[in-house]
Amino acid sequence: MEKATLTFTDVSITVNVPPGTRIIEMSEKVGSGITYGCREGECGTCMTHVIEGAEHLSEPTALEQRVLAENLAGKDDRLACQCRVLSGAVKVRPG
């Protein structure tokens, strides 16, 4: 099985994650400063900046793309409640 790691640079913690893990699931466990509102991809509160490894994340859904656009997200921003780590090494920080 493909191995994946997720690094939260704001708290300097790297964790091994099962492929398919949403960023939201691990950020709460490690105490990262990523904040949450609805957890459904509607509010944009959990915007997260991807520093490295964007190619290892799931493709944004139409909903995520719309919410990112509404919140004037940059090209390296994703919603932590929507994107999943599929493989490899991913580094993020609160958006």
Protein backbone atom coordinates (compact mmCIF):
# COMPACT_ATOMS: atom_id res chain seq x y z
CA MET A 1 0.00 0.00 0.00
CA GLU A 2 1.18 3.50 -0.86
CA LYS A 3 2.60 5.44 2.08
CA ALA A 4 1.64 9.05 2.72
CA THR A 5 2.90 11.70 5.13
CA LEU A 6 1.33 14.98 6.08
CA THR A 7 3.36 17.83 7.61
CA PHE A 8 1.75 20.76 9.43
CA THR A 9 4.42 23.46 9.33
CA ASP A 10 2.68 25.73 11.86
CA VAL A 11 3.22 23.13 14.59
CA SER A 12 6.27 21.39 13.03
CA ILE A 13 4.66 17.94 13.10
CA THR A 14 4.79 15.23 10.42
CA VAL A 15 2.46 12.25 10.62
CA ASN A 16 2.05 9.07 8.59
CA VAL A 17 -1.48 8.92 7.22
CA PRO A 18 -3.48 6.21 5.46
CA PRO A 19 -4.06 7.10 1.79
CA GLY A 20 -7.41 8.85 1.43
CA THR A 21 -7.13 10.74 4.75
CA ARG A 22 -8.68 14.21 4.73
CA ILE A 23 -6.39 16.95 6.05
CA ILE A 24 -9.09 17.97 8.57
CA GLU A 25 -8.90 14.53 10.22
CA MET A 26 -5.23 14.88 11.17
CA SER A 27 -4.97 18.62 11.79
CA GLU A 28 -7.26 18.41 14.81
CA LYS A 29 -5.25 15.51 16.27
CA VAL A 30 -1.92 17.36 16.03
CA GLY A 31 -3.23 20.77 17.13
CA SER A 32 -2.61 22.63 13.87
CA GLY A 33 -4.06 26.13 13.60
CA ILE A 34 -6.32 25.21 10.65
CA THR A 35 -9.81 26.33 11.66
CA TYR A 36 -13.15 24.79 10.76
CA GLY A 37 -16.71 25.89 10.36
CA CYS A 38 -19.18 23.66 8.57
CA ARG A 39 -16.92 20.66 7.69
CA GLU A 40 -19.03 20.22 4.53
CA GLY A 41 -17.00 22.34 2.09
CA GLU A 42 -19.51 25.20 2.11
CA CYS A 43 -17.97 27.95 4.25
CA GLY A 44 -14.29 28.14 3.24
CA THR A 45 -13.14 28.53 6.87
CA CYS A 46 -10.66 25.64 6.62
CA MET A 47 -8.71 27.09 3.70
CA THR A 48 -5.24 25.58 3.84
CA HIS A 49 -2.09 26.58 1.96
CA VAL A 50 -0.29 23.65 0.32
CA ILE A 51 3.46 24.28 0.53
CA GLU A 52 4.60 21.01 -1.07
CA GLY A 53 3.02 17.92 -2.56
CA ALA A 54 -0.15 19.33 -4.15
CA GLU A 55 0.18 16.60 -6.78
CA HIS A 56 -0.41 14.02 -4.03
CA LEU A 57 -3.85 15.42 -3.12
CA SER A 58 -7.23 14.43 -4.53
CA GLU A 59 -8.57 16.62 -7.33
CA PRO A 60 -10.83 19.46 -6.12
CA THR A 61 -14.54 18.74 -6.51
CA ALA A 62 -16.81 21.25 -8.23
CA LEU A 63 -18.02 22.37 -4.79
CA GLU A 64 -14.48 22.90 -3.50
CA GLN A 65 -13.51 24.82 -6.66
CA ARG A 66 -16.55 27.11 -6.26
CA VAL A 67 -15.88 27.81 -2.57
CA LEU A 68 -12.18 28.44 -3.23
CA ALA A 69 -13.09 30.89 -6.01
CA GLU A 70 -15.65 32.66 -3.79
CA ASN A 71 -12.97 33.08 -1.12
CA LEU A 72 -10.38 34.37 -3.63
CA ALA A 73 -8.07 31.44 -2.90
CA GLY A 74 -4.61 31.25 -4.41
CA LYS A 75 -3.57 28.42 -6.71
CA ASP A 76 -1.98 26.53 -3.80
CA ASP A 77 -4.97 26.80 -1.47
CA ARG A 78 -7.33 23.92 -0.70
CA LEU A 79 -10.13 23.18 1.75
CA ALA A 80 -8.87 20.87 4.52
CA CYS A 81 -12.29 19.27 4.93
CA GLN A 82 -12.44 18.30 1.24
CA CYS A 83 -9.01 17.29 -0.01
CA ARG A 84 -7.53 13.89 0.69
CA VAL A 85 -3.87 12.87 0.86
CA LEU A 86 -3.51 10.06 -1.67
CA SER A 87 0.22 9.28 -1.45
CA GLY A 88 3.65 10.83 -1.03
CA ALA A 89 4.61 13.77 1.16
CA VAL A 90 2.36 16.78 1.60
CA LYS A 91 3.21 19.95 3.58
CA VAL A 92 0.50 22.41 4.60
CA ARG A 93 -0.08 25.44 6.80
CA PRO A 94 -3.22 27.32 7.80
CA GLY A 95 -4.45 29.49 4.91
